[in-house]
Amino acid sequence: MAVSELHETSEVTKLYRIKSCPRCHYGDVYEDTDEYGAYEQCFQCGWVNYPNRHVTQAQAEAEKRQTASSSRGERRRVR
């Protein structure tokens, strides 16, 4: 079977979990992949989860502090 024939005959099935968003509790969550890997996202509020990325609490707090300090630096005005 040629590659073009595989694309024509294969079907993609997507699963939507209705009202299962952990942030807004009303949103529908779907799973998808892109060049960075698999992720889950809520249609209504935009919550994103990367299920293959396991981060400890300490790593998450360090990443949050780093993001906050870099965004504060961008907002400062230099005179």
Protein backbone atom coordinates (compact mmCIF):
# COMPACT_ATOMS: atom_id res chain seq x y z
CA MET A 1 0.00 0.00 0.00
CA ALA A 2 1.41 3.40 -0.93
CA VAL A 3 1.70 6.21 1.60
CA SER A 4 -0.98 8.28 -0.13
CA GLU A 5 -3.38 5.32 0.12
CA LEU A 6 -2.73 5.06 3.87
CA HIS A 7 -3.70 8.68 4.39
CA GLU A 8 -6.87 8.27 2.38
CA THR A 9 -8.08 5.17 4.22
CA SER A 10 -7.00 5.97 7.80
CA GLU A 11 -9.43 7.68 10.14
CA VAL A 12 -8.61 9.94 13.07
CA THR A 13 -10.79 9.57 16.14
CA LYS A 14 -10.77 12.31 18.75
CA LEU A 15 -12.14 11.92 22.26
CA TYR A 16 -13.87 14.81 24.01
CA ARG A 17 -14.52 14.63 27.73
CA ILE A 18 -17.63 16.69 28.41
CA LYS A 19 -17.54 19.04 31.43
CA SER A 20 -14.30 17.57 32.75
CA CYS A 21 -12.01 20.62 32.97
CA PRO A 22 -10.23 20.74 36.34
CA ARG A 23 -10.03 24.55 36.21
CA CYS A 24 -13.47 25.78 35.13
CA HIS A 25 -15.47 22.55 35.76
CA TYR A 26 -17.74 23.36 32.78
CA GLY A 27 -15.32 22.98 29.89
CA ASP A 28 -15.00 20.17 27.40
CA VAL A 29 -11.46 18.75 27.29
CA TYR A 30 -9.92 17.27 24.16
CA GLU A 31 -6.62 15.52 23.52
CA ASP A 32 -4.30 16.44 20.68
CA THR A 33 -0.65 16.38 19.66
CA ASP A 34 1.67 18.81 17.95
CA GLU A 35 5.40 19.02 17.26
CA TYR A 36 6.07 19.29 21.03
CA GLY A 37 4.08 16.19 22.04
CA ALA A 38 0.68 15.24 23.41
CA TYR A 39 -1.49 17.63 25.41
CA GLU A 40 -5.03 18.12 26.73
CA GLN A 41 -6.88 21.42 26.38
CA CYS A 42 -10.22 22.88 27.46
CA PHE A 43 -12.35 24.46 24.74
CA GLN A 44 -13.99 26.96 27.09
CA CYS A 45 -11.22 28.35 29.34
CA GLY A 46 -8.04 27.31 27.53
CA TRP A 47 -6.55 25.18 30.34
CA VAL A 48 -3.66 23.07 29.02
CA ASN A 49 -2.12 19.92 30.50
CA TYR A 50 0.90 18.00 29.24
CA PRO A 51 0.27 14.46 30.54
CA ASN A 52 3.75 13.17 29.68
CA ARG A 53 5.47 15.97 31.58
CA HIS A 54 5.85 15.09 35.24
CA VAL A 55 7.03 17.97 37.40
CA THR A 56 7.60 18.02 41.14
CA GLN A 57 6.13 20.77 43.30
CA ALA A 58 9.59 22.29 43.79
CA GLN A 59 10.22 22.36 40.02
CA ALA A 60 6.83 23.97 39.38
CA GLU A 61 7.45 26.68 42.00
CA ALA A 62 10.93 27.40 40.59
CA GLU A 63 9.52 27.65 37.07
CA LYS A 64 6.76 29.98 38.30
CA ARG A 65 9.29 32.25 40.07
CA GLN A 66 11.49 32.33 36.97
CA THR A 67 8.55 33.24 34.73
CA ALA A 68 7.34 35.92 37.14
CA SER A 69 10.78 37.52 37.47
CA SER A 70 11.34 37.57 33.70
CA SER A 71 7.94 39.16 33.06
CA ARG A 72 8.57 41.79 35.76
CA GLY A 73 11.81 42.77 34.04
CA GLU A 74 10.00 43.35 30.76
CA ARG A 75 7.50 45.74 32.37
CA ARG A 76 10.11 48.00 33.96
CA ARG A 77 10.84 51.28 32.26
CA VAL A 78 14.42 52.29 31.77
CA ARG A 79 14.99 56.03 32.02
